[in-house]
Amino acid sequence: MMTLNLTPEVVREDQAFLIQYCREHPERSFHQAALTLLQMRLARCPP
């Protein structure tokens, strides 16, 4: 299970990631952007 401390800073980082991802990959869906963000967050979590 993954829990995040959703501070305003974390939310801004996630928003910036999603905006940049969508700009760099306009052919991909927002769903794919969200999955990529989730994978990135999971990789940062300690086991």
C-alpha atoms as a PDB file:
ATOM      1  CA  MET A   1       0.000   0.000   0.000  1.00  0.00           C
ATOM      2  CA  MET A   2       1.225   3.460  -0.839  1.00  0.00           C
ATOM      3  CA  THR A   3       0.360   6.598   1.073  1.00  0.00           C
ATOM      4  CA  LEU A   4       1.405  10.077   0.124  1.00  0.00           C
ATOM      5  CA  ASN A   5       1.558  13.192   2.170  1.00  0.00           C
ATOM      6  CA  LEU A   6      -0.415  15.365  -0.227  1.00  0.00           C
ATOM      7  CA  THR A   7       1.030  18.705   0.686  1.00  0.00           C
ATOM      8  CA  PRO A   8       0.516  21.639  -1.664  1.00  0.00           C
ATOM      9  CA  GLU A   9       4.121  21.145  -2.811  1.00  0.00           C
ATOM     10  CA  VAL A  10       3.527  17.498  -3.751  1.00  0.00           C
ATOM     11  CA  VAL A  11       0.326  18.404  -5.596  1.00  0.00           C
ATOM     12  CA  ARG A  12       2.164  21.144  -7.544  1.00  0.00           C
ATOM     13  CA  GLU A  13       4.953  18.683  -8.432  1.00  0.00           C
ATOM     14  CA  ASP A  14       2.410  16.158  -9.685  1.00  0.00           C
ATOM     15  CA  GLN A  15       0.578  18.801 -11.704  1.00  0.00           C
ATOM     16  CA  ALA A  16       3.839  19.989 -13.255  1.00  0.00           C
ATOM     17  CA  PHE A  17       4.784  16.400 -14.104  1.00  0.00           C
ATOM     18  CA  LEU A  18       1.419  15.743 -15.775  1.00  0.00           C
ATOM     19  CA  ILE A  19       1.541  18.977 -17.771  1.00  0.00           C
ATOM     20  CA  GLN A  20       5.079  18.288 -18.974  1.00  0.00           C
ATOM     21  CA  TYR A  21       4.317  14.647 -19.772  1.00  0.00           C
ATOM     22  CA  CYS A  22       1.281  15.603 -21.855  1.00  0.00           C
ATOM     23  CA  ARG A  23       3.271  18.255 -23.730  1.00  0.00           C
ATOM     24  CA  GLU A  24       6.063  15.792 -24.494  1.00  0.00           C
ATOM     25  CA  HIS A  25       3.689  12.940 -25.429  1.00  0.00           C
ATOM     26  CA  PRO A  26       0.585  14.477 -27.040  1.00  0.00           C
ATOM     27  CA  GLU A  27      -0.266  11.167 -28.706  1.00  0.00           C
ATOM     28  CA  ARG A  28      -0.642   9.392 -25.348  1.00  0.00           C
ATOM     29  CA  SER A  29      -3.704   9.485 -23.122  1.00  0.00           C
ATOM     30  CA  PHE A  30      -3.982  11.294 -19.814  1.00  0.00           C
ATOM     31  CA  HIS A  31      -4.525   7.862 -18.292  1.00  0.00           C
ATOM     32  CA  GLN A  32      -1.016   6.878 -19.441  1.00  0.00           C
ATOM     33  CA  ALA A  33       0.376  10.078 -17.916  1.00  0.00           C
ATOM     34  CA  ALA A  34      -1.277   9.258 -14.590  1.00  0.00           C
ATOM     35  CA  LEU A  35       0.058   5.691 -14.659  1.00  0.00           C
ATOM     36  CA  THR A  36       3.557   6.992 -15.374  1.00  0.00           C
ATOM     37  CA  LEU A  37       3.275   9.396 -12.439  1.00  0.00           C
ATOM     38  CA  LEU A  38       2.130   6.555 -10.192  1.00  0.00           C
ATOM     39  CA  GLN A  39       5.051   4.377 -11.298  1.00  0.00           C
ATOM     40  CA  MET A  40       7.429   7.235 -10.558  1.00  0.00           C
ATOM     41  CA  ARG A  41       5.940   7.722  -7.095  1.00  0.00           C
ATOM     42  CA  LEU A  42       6.072   3.985  -6.354  1.00  0.00           C
ATOM     43  CA  ALA A  43       9.734   3.858  -7.340  1.00  0.00           C
ATOM     44  CA  ARG A  44      10.465   6.552  -4.755  1.00  0.00           C
ATOM     45  CA  CYS A  45       8.739   4.681  -1.925  1.00  0.00           C
ATOM     46  CA  PRO A  46      10.906   2.563   0.340  1.00  0.00           C
ATOM     47  CA  PRO A  47      10.121  -1.169   0.253  1.00  0.00           C
END
